[in-house]
Amino acid sequence: MQEEPNAQITITTTTSTGSARVRDIFGKTVHHFYLPFDLQISMSLMLNRIKPKMVLITEVELWPNLIHVCWKRKIPVLAINARMTDRSVKNYIKIKYLFSPMLHKLSHICAQGERDYKNYTTLGADKSRITLTQNIKFDQAAAQQTKQDTFKGINKNATPTLVAGSTHELEESALLSAMKQLWKTHPTLRLIIVPRHPERFLTVKKILENQNESFECTSESQQISPNTRLVLLDEMGKLNSAYQIANIAFVGGSLADKGGHNALEPAALSVPVIMGPNTYNNPLICEILAQRGALVIVKNTNDIVSQCSYWLSNPDKALNCGNAGRQVLDENSGALEKTWFKIKSFY
């Protein structure tokens, strides 16, 4: 949008979470709607409606019929920040005779890492149509700066806060069990739970109601009481604001077998991160952060307690780990420029 301010941009999503994120970032500056079912007729109708000059597919959203219809109409389709996990390769290799022809219909693939580049070639993609651009998420996260010390009346410097972002089923229970142990030595520690999907807000609220501890929902309170140790963030688009007041961040989808969500968001704000062992969605990012000490893998409740206790008891160590995460982002940015260069070659 900065390079082409007059361009008309349409963004599609498949979930309400994604839709809310688009509204939060872009407001009314882009056109948004939900992507229809991946049928040739529905994709044809969509293309008739928006008449795109180019289609950009992000990460793993490879829609065979959309790609095919665009190919027939000679509309360039680029897979940007393209991800292909080892787990996905094992599944797709079984249907390589179907998957490989689809890859040949892509105009170009901008791979987010060496693993992804290799896996796309394994599945039959032409090397001349793949560029290793690295991960755009480094650039996106690096652009973030700490803007506030308070959120919903919670002051970052008043009491320690653990923010559990993008949590899935069973992860909340593990974190609550850890909190009961942590409160024995760190009685003022606050936990803010941010479920990944809004349809789970009510479910998590019921889990909190069964705890022998009072809690507050951010949707019901503009100012969280300073004595409240459990908080449910049940509003869309507020995770980054919560991370800004975090002393420690847990990134969800990692104790649950979901591959792990974006550890760069808290790392960009110099917040030390813990994650479960399931990080296969972003293995390179997590590996780099872990090597620098900015991320620690925890396997269970006891590990959560141990690592959080260490950082809470050694704030200087926590600060160093958080700063190391921010430095990783600063050192690895540049993918956005490479990706834009490739996009322009088809524009």
Protein backbone atom coordinates (compact mmCIF):
# COMPACT_ATOMS: atom_id res chain seq x y z
CA MET A 1 0.00 0.00 0.00
CA GLN A 2 2.95 2.32 0.59
CA GLU A 3 4.50 1.47 -2.78
CA GLU A 4 1.18 1.46 -4.70
CA PRO A 5 -1.17 3.80 -2.79
CA ASN A 6 -3.78 3.74 -5.57
CA ALA A 7 -3.96 -0.05 -5.79
CA GLN A 8 -7.30 -1.62 -4.92
CA ILE A 9 -6.63 -4.49 -2.54
CA THR A 10 -8.99 -7.30 -1.59
CA ILE A 11 -8.14 -9.57 1.34
CA THR A 12 -9.96 -12.84 1.97
CA THR A 13 -9.99 -14.85 5.18
CA THR A 14 -11.58 -18.10 6.28
CA THR A 15 -12.12 -17.41 9.99
CA SER A 16 -13.67 -14.69 12.13
CA THR A 17 -10.29 -14.31 13.85
CA GLY A 18 -8.66 -13.47 10.53
CA SER A 19 -11.49 -11.13 9.61
CA ALA A 20 -11.12 -9.20 12.85
CA ARG A 21 -7.37 -8.97 12.32
CA VAL A 22 -7.89 -7.45 8.86
CA ARG A 23 -10.30 -4.86 10.26
CA ASP A 24 -7.91 -4.07 13.10
CA ILE A 25 -4.92 -3.51 10.81
CA PHE A 26 -6.46 -2.03 7.67
CA GLY A 27 -9.84 -0.64 8.70
CA LYS A 28 -11.71 0.39 5.56
CA THR A 29 -8.64 0.87 3.37
CA VAL A 30 -9.03 -2.63 1.86
CA HIS A 31 -11.98 -4.68 0.69
CA HIS A 32 -12.54 -7.85 2.70
CA PHE A 33 -14.77 -10.90 2.45
CA TYR A 34 -14.69 -14.57 3.41
CA LEU A 35 -13.13 -16.90 0.85
CA PRO A 36 -15.80 -19.17 -0.67
CA PHE A 37 -15.54 -22.95 -0.79
CA ASP A 38 -12.76 -24.07 -3.09
CA LEU A 39 -14.96 -25.13 -6.00
CA GLN A 40 -14.29 -24.07 -9.58
CA ILE A 41 -17.70 -22.44 -9.94
CA SER A 42 -17.45 -20.46 -6.68
CA MET A 43 -13.89 -19.37 -7.41
CA SER A 44 -14.90 -18.33 -10.93
CA LEU A 45 -17.74 -16.23 -9.56
CA MET A 46 -15.37 -14.61 -7.07
CA LEU A 47 -12.85 -13.75 -9.78
CA ASN A 48 -15.63 -12.37 -11.98
CA ARG A 49 -16.56 -10.09 -9.10
CA ILE A 50 -13.19 -8.67 -8.14
CA LYS A 51 -11.30 -9.06 -11.47
CA PRO A 52 -7.82 -9.27 -9.91
CA LYS A 53 -4.61 -8.53 -11.80
CA MET A 54 -2.75 -10.82 -9.41
CA VAL A 55 -3.50 -13.25 -6.59
CA LEU A 56 -1.19 -13.63 -3.59
CA ILE A 57 -1.57 -16.74 -1.44
CA THR A 58 0.06 -16.64 1.98
CA GLU A 59 1.85 -19.38 3.88
CA VAL A 60 -0.02 -22.68 3.42
CA GLU A 61 -3.29 -21.57 1.86
CA LEU A 62 -2.94 -23.55 -1.38
CA TRP A 63 -6.45 -23.75 -2.86
CA PRO A 64 -6.28 -26.10 -5.90
CA ASN A 65 -9.40 -24.84 -7.69
CA LEU A 66 -8.56 -21.18 -7.11
CA ILE A 67 -5.08 -21.78 -8.51
CA HIS A 68 -6.49 -23.71 -11.47
CA VAL A 69 -9.09 -21.08 -12.39
CA CYS A 70 -6.48 -18.29 -12.16
CA TRP A 71 -4.10 -20.34 -14.31
CA LYS A 72 -6.77 -20.79 -16.99
CA ARG A 73 -7.40 -17.03 -16.97
CA LYS A 74 -3.67 -16.25 -17.02
CA ILE A 75 -3.88 -14.42 -13.70
CA PRO A 76 -0.49 -14.61 -11.92
CA VAL A 77 -0.64 -16.49 -8.61
CA LEU A 78 2.25 -16.13 -6.17
CA ALA A 79 2.63 -18.07 -2.95
CA ILE A 80 4.31 -15.59 -0.60
CA ASN A 81 5.91 -16.33 2.76
CA ALA A 82 5.27 -19.89 1.60
CA ARG A 83 5.51 -22.58 4.25
CA MET A 84 5.76 -26.33 3.72
CA THR A 85 6.34 -28.34 6.88
CA ASP A 86 7.96 -31.76 6.99
CA ARG A 87 4.66 -33.13 8.26
CA SER A 88 2.80 -31.69 5.25
CA VAL A 89 5.34 -33.14 2.83
CA LYS A 90 4.73 -36.63 4.20
CA ASN A 91 1.04 -36.23 3.45
CA TYR A 92 1.35 -34.51 0.07
CA ILE A 93 4.00 -36.90 -1.23
CA LYS A 94 1.32 -39.61 -1.19
CA ILE A 95 -0.66 -37.61 -3.75
CA LYS A 96 2.29 -36.06 -5.57
CA TYR A 97 0.69 -36.95 -8.91
CA LEU A 98 -2.10 -34.49 -8.00
CA PHE A 99 -0.10 -31.97 -5.98
CA SER A 100 2.81 -31.45 -8.37
CA PRO A 101 0.64 -30.25 -11.32
CA MET A 102 -0.94 -27.67 -9.02
CA LEU A 103 2.49 -26.33 -8.05
CA HIS A 104 3.37 -25.92 -11.73
CA LYS A 105 0.36 -23.60 -12.10
CA LEU A 106 1.82 -21.19 -9.53
CA SER A 107 3.64 -18.27 -11.11
CA HIS A 108 6.19 -18.18 -8.29
CA ILE A 109 6.83 -19.41 -4.76
CA CYS A 110 8.52 -17.14 -2.21
CA ALA A 111 9.74 -19.63 0.41
CA GLN A 112 10.07 -18.44 3.99
CA GLY A 113 12.96 -20.76 4.85
CA GLU A 114 15.45 -23.30 3.51
CA ARG A 115 13.30 -26.17 4.82
CA ASP A 116 10.30 -24.85 2.90
CA TYR A 117 12.36 -24.32 -0.27
CA LYS A 118 13.62 -27.90 -0.10
CA ASN A 119 10.18 -29.36 0.61
CA TYR A 120 8.57 -27.56 -2.32
CA THR A 121 11.21 -28.95 -4.66
CA THR A 122 10.66 -32.41 -3.20
CA LEU A 123 7.01 -32.11 -4.15
CA GLY A 124 7.88 -31.22 -7.73
CA ALA A 125 8.08 -27.43 -7.83
CA ASP A 126 10.44 -26.04 -10.46
CA LYS A 127 13.50 -24.45 -8.81
CA SER A 128 13.38 -21.62 -11.34
CA ARG A 129 10.03 -20.63 -9.85
CA ILE A 130 11.12 -20.61 -6.21
CA THR A 131 12.90 -17.80 -4.36
CA LEU A 132 14.20 -18.07 -0.81
CA THR A 133 12.99 -14.75 0.59
CA GLN A 134 13.04 -15.74 4.30
CA ASN A 135 10.15 -15.05 6.66
CA ILE A 136 8.08 -11.87 6.36
CA LYS A 137 7.06 -12.30 9.99
CA PHE A 138 10.50 -11.04 11.03
CA ASP A 139 9.81 -7.75 9.23
CA GLN A 140 6.25 -7.50 10.53
CA ALA A 141 7.30 -8.10 14.10
CA ALA A 142 10.41 -5.91 13.86
CA ALA A 143 8.18 -2.96 12.95
CA GLN A 144 6.46 -3.21 16.33
CA GLN A 145 7.60 -0.99 19.16
CA THR A 146 6.50 -0.91 22.78
CA LYS A 147 3.92 1.87 22.91
CA GLN A 148 2.35 1.50 26.33
CA ASP A 149 3.09 0.37 29.86
CA THR A 150 -0.57 -0.10 30.77
CA PHE A 151 -3.47 -2.12 29.39
CA LYS A 152 -6.94 -2.14 30.93
CA GLY A 153 -5.45 -0.43 33.97
CA ILE A 154 -2.75 -3.09 34.39
CA ASN A 155 0.66 -1.48 34.81
CA LYS A 156 3.62 -3.44 33.47
CA ASN A 157 5.88 -2.15 36.23
CA ALA A 158 3.48 -2.71 39.13
CA THR A 159 3.04 -6.48 39.25
CA PRO A 160 4.50 -9.32 37.14
CA THR A 161 2.26 -10.61 34.36
CA LEU A 162 2.30 -13.82 32.34
CA VAL A 163 0.38 -13.45 29.07
CA ALA A 164 -0.77 -16.70 27.48
CA GLY A 165 -1.48 -15.85 23.85
CA SER A 166 -3.44 -17.86 21.27
CA THR A 167 -4.26 -20.71 23.65
CA HIS A 168 -6.03 -23.92 22.67
CA GLU A 169 -7.97 -26.58 24.54
CA LEU A 170 -6.09 -28.11 27.51
CA GLU A 171 -3.44 -25.38 27.51
CA GLU A 172 -5.48 -23.17 29.83
CA SER A 173 -5.74 -26.00 32.36
CA ALA A 174 -1.99 -26.59 32.29
CA LEU A 175 -1.33 -22.88 32.83
CA LEU A 176 -3.83 -22.65 35.68
CA SER A 177 -2.19 -25.63 37.39
CA ALA A 178 1.17 -23.90 37.02
CA MET A 179 -0.21 -20.68 38.49
CA LYS A 180 -1.35 -22.45 41.66
CA GLN A 181 2.24 -23.51 42.25
CA LEU A 182 3.75 -20.19 41.20
CA TRP A 183 1.50 -18.23 43.56
CA LYS A 184 3.18 -19.96 46.51
CA THR A 185 6.40 -18.05 45.82
CA HIS A 186 5.11 -15.23 43.58
CA PRO A 187 1.71 -14.34 45.04
CA THR A 188 1.19 -11.20 42.94
CA LEU A 189 1.77 -12.89 39.58
CA ARG A 190 -1.09 -12.26 37.15
CA LEU A 191 -2.14 -14.54 34.29
CA ILE A 192 -3.87 -13.11 31.22
CA ILE A 193 -5.36 -15.82 29.00
CA VAL A 194 -6.03 -14.99 25.35
CA PRO A 195 -7.79 -17.87 23.53
CA ARG A 196 -6.85 -18.33 19.88
CA HIS A 197 -10.45 -18.55 18.66
CA PRO A 198 -13.30 -16.28 19.83
CA GLU A 199 -15.75 -19.17 19.83
CA ARG A 200 -13.81 -20.54 22.84
CA PHE A 201 -14.21 -17.40 24.96
CA LEU A 202 -17.25 -18.82 26.75
CA THR A 203 -15.62 -22.23 27.23
CA VAL A 204 -12.54 -20.70 28.85
CA LYS A 205 -14.73 -18.47 30.99
CA LYS A 206 -16.43 -21.59 32.36
CA ILE A 207 -13.02 -23.12 33.10
CA LEU A 208 -12.11 -20.02 35.11
CA GLU A 209 -15.42 -20.14 36.96
CA ASN A 210 -14.41 -23.55 38.30
CA GLN A 211 -11.20 -22.18 39.81
CA ASN A 212 -11.03 -21.17 43.44
CA GLU A 213 -9.93 -17.71 42.35
CA SER A 214 -11.78 -14.61 41.22
CA PHE A 215 -11.23 -13.42 37.65
CA GLU A 216 -12.22 -10.62 35.31
CA CYS A 217 -13.10 -10.48 31.60
CA THR A 218 -11.69 -7.55 29.66
CA SER A 219 -14.94 -7.24 27.69
CA GLU A 220 -16.75 -6.45 30.93
CA SER A 221 -14.22 -4.13 32.52
CA GLN A 222 -12.30 -1.06 31.35
CA GLN A 223 -10.07 -1.19 34.42
CA ILE A 224 -8.91 -4.52 35.79
CA SER A 225 -8.61 -4.52 39.57
CA PRO A 226 -4.97 -4.48 40.74
CA ASN A 227 -5.75 -7.46 42.98
CA THR A 228 -7.16 -9.65 40.19
CA ARG A 229 -4.73 -12.43 39.38
CA LEU A 230 -6.69 -14.14 36.58
CA VAL A 231 -7.83 -12.25 33.49
CA LEU A 232 -9.62 -13.50 30.39
CA LEU A 233 -8.96 -11.34 27.35
CA ASP A 234 -12.18 -12.03 25.45
CA GLU A 235 -11.86 -9.29 22.83
CA MET A 236 -10.52 -9.52 19.30
CA GLY A 237 -7.39 -7.69 18.17
CA LYS A 238 -6.00 -7.00 21.66
CA LEU A 239 -3.30 -9.67 21.96
CA ASN A 240 -0.46 -7.33 21.02
CA SER A 241 -1.63 -4.80 23.62
CA ALA A 242 -1.51 -7.55 26.23
CA TYR A 243 1.97 -8.65 25.16
CA GLN A 244 3.17 -5.08 25.69
CA ILE A 245 2.59 -5.36 29.44
CA ALA A 246 3.90 -8.93 29.74
CA ASN A 247 6.92 -9.93 31.76
CA ILE A 248 6.72 -13.45 30.33
CA ALA A 249 4.77 -14.75 27.32
CA PHE A 250 3.43 -18.22 26.64
CA VAL A 251 2.67 -18.76 22.95
CA GLY A 252 -0.13 -21.26 22.46
CA GLY A 253 -0.80 -24.07 20.05
CA SER A 254 2.45 -25.57 21.27
CA LEU A 255 1.47 -27.68 24.28
CA ALA A 256 -1.59 -28.59 22.24
CA ASP A 257 -0.55 -30.28 19.00
CA LYS A 258 -1.29 -27.32 16.72
CA GLY A 259 2.24 -26.49 15.59
CA GLY A 260 2.63 -23.34 17.67
CA HIS A 261 1.68 -19.76 16.88
CA ASN A 262 3.79 -16.65 16.36
CA ALA A 263 6.59 -16.31 18.91
CA LEU A 264 7.90 -13.22 17.14
CA GLU A 265 5.05 -11.04 18.41
CA PRO A 266 6.19 -11.06 22.06
CA ALA A 267 9.87 -11.31 21.06
CA ALA A 268 9.50 -8.05 19.13
CA LEU A 269 8.51 -6.40 22.40
CA SER A 270 11.55 -7.81 24.25
CA VAL A 271 9.41 -10.28 26.20
CA PRO A 272 10.97 -13.69 27.01
CA VAL A 273 8.91 -16.56 25.62
CA ILE A 274 7.95 -20.08 26.65
CA MET A 275 6.34 -22.58 24.28
CA GLY A 276 5.42 -26.24 24.29
CA PRO A 277 7.33 -28.76 22.15
CA ASN A 278 4.99 -28.52 19.13
CA THR A 279 6.60 -25.76 17.08
CA TYR A 280 6.51 -27.37 13.65
CA ASN A 281 4.63 -24.46 12.04
CA ASN A 282 7.62 -22.16 12.53
CA PRO A 283 10.58 -24.42 13.37
CA LEU A 284 13.32 -22.11 12.11
CA ILE A 285 11.97 -19.08 13.97
CA CYS A 286 11.67 -21.05 17.20
CA GLU A 287 15.09 -22.64 16.74
CA ILE A 288 16.80 -19.27 16.29
CA LEU A 289 14.99 -17.73 19.27
CA ALA A 290 15.83 -20.77 21.43
CA GLN A 291 19.50 -20.70 20.43
CA ARG A 292 19.71 -17.08 21.56
CA GLY A 293 17.92 -17.80 24.85
CA ALA A 294 14.84 -15.75 23.95
CA LEU A 295 12.58 -18.82 23.92
CA VAL A 296 12.49 -21.83 26.22
CA ILE A 297 10.61 -25.03 25.39
CA VAL A 298 8.43 -26.39 28.21
CA LYS A 299 6.91 -29.86 28.08
CA ASN A 300 4.51 -29.78 31.01
CA THR A 301 3.21 -27.86 34.02
CA ASN A 302 6.37 -28.47 36.04
CA ASP A 303 8.50 -27.00 33.27
CA ILE A 304 6.27 -23.92 33.12
CA VAL A 305 6.64 -23.44 36.87
CA SER A 306 10.40 -23.93 36.78
CA GLN A 307 11.10 -21.50 33.92
CA CYS A 308 8.69 -18.82 35.10
CA SER A 309 10.10 -19.03 38.63
CA TYR A 310 13.61 -18.62 37.26
CA TRP A 311 12.77 -15.50 35.26
CA LEU A 312 10.63 -13.99 38.02
CA SER A 313 13.41 -14.53 40.56
CA ASN A 314 16.08 -13.27 38.16
CA PRO A 315 14.60 -10.24 36.36
CA ASP A 316 17.98 -9.30 34.90
CA LYS A 317 18.19 -12.71 33.21
CA ALA A 318 14.63 -12.30 31.91
CA LEU A 319 15.51 -8.86 30.56
CA ASN A 320 18.55 -10.24 28.73
CA CYS A 321 16.48 -13.04 27.20
CA GLY A 322 13.82 -10.59 26.07
CA ASN A 323 16.39 -8.26 24.52
CA ALA A 324 17.95 -11.22 22.71
CA GLY A 325 14.61 -11.90 21.05
CA ARG A 326 14.32 -8.35 19.79
CA GLN A 327 17.87 -8.53 18.44
CA VAL A 328 16.99 -11.69 16.48
CA LEU A 329 14.25 -9.76 14.70
CA ASP A 330 16.50 -6.84 13.88
CA GLU A 331 19.12 -9.19 12.43
CA ASN A 332 16.72 -11.21 10.25
CA SER A 333 14.51 -8.60 8.63
CA GLY A 334 14.56 -8.01 4.86
CA ALA A 335 12.13 -10.63 3.54
CA LEU A 336 9.46 -8.04 2.81
CA GLU A 337 11.69 -6.15 0.38
CA LYS A 338 12.68 -9.37 -1.43
CA THR A 339 9.05 -10.44 -1.68
CA TRP A 340 7.91 -7.07 -3.01
CA PHE A 341 10.66 -7.17 -5.65
CA LYS A 342 9.32 -10.52 -6.87
CA ILE A 343 5.71 -9.32 -6.82
CA LYS A 344 6.61 -6.29 -8.95
CA SER A 345 8.12 -8.54 -11.61
CA PHE A 346 4.64 -9.97 -12.26
CA TYR A 347 2.64 -6.79 -11.73
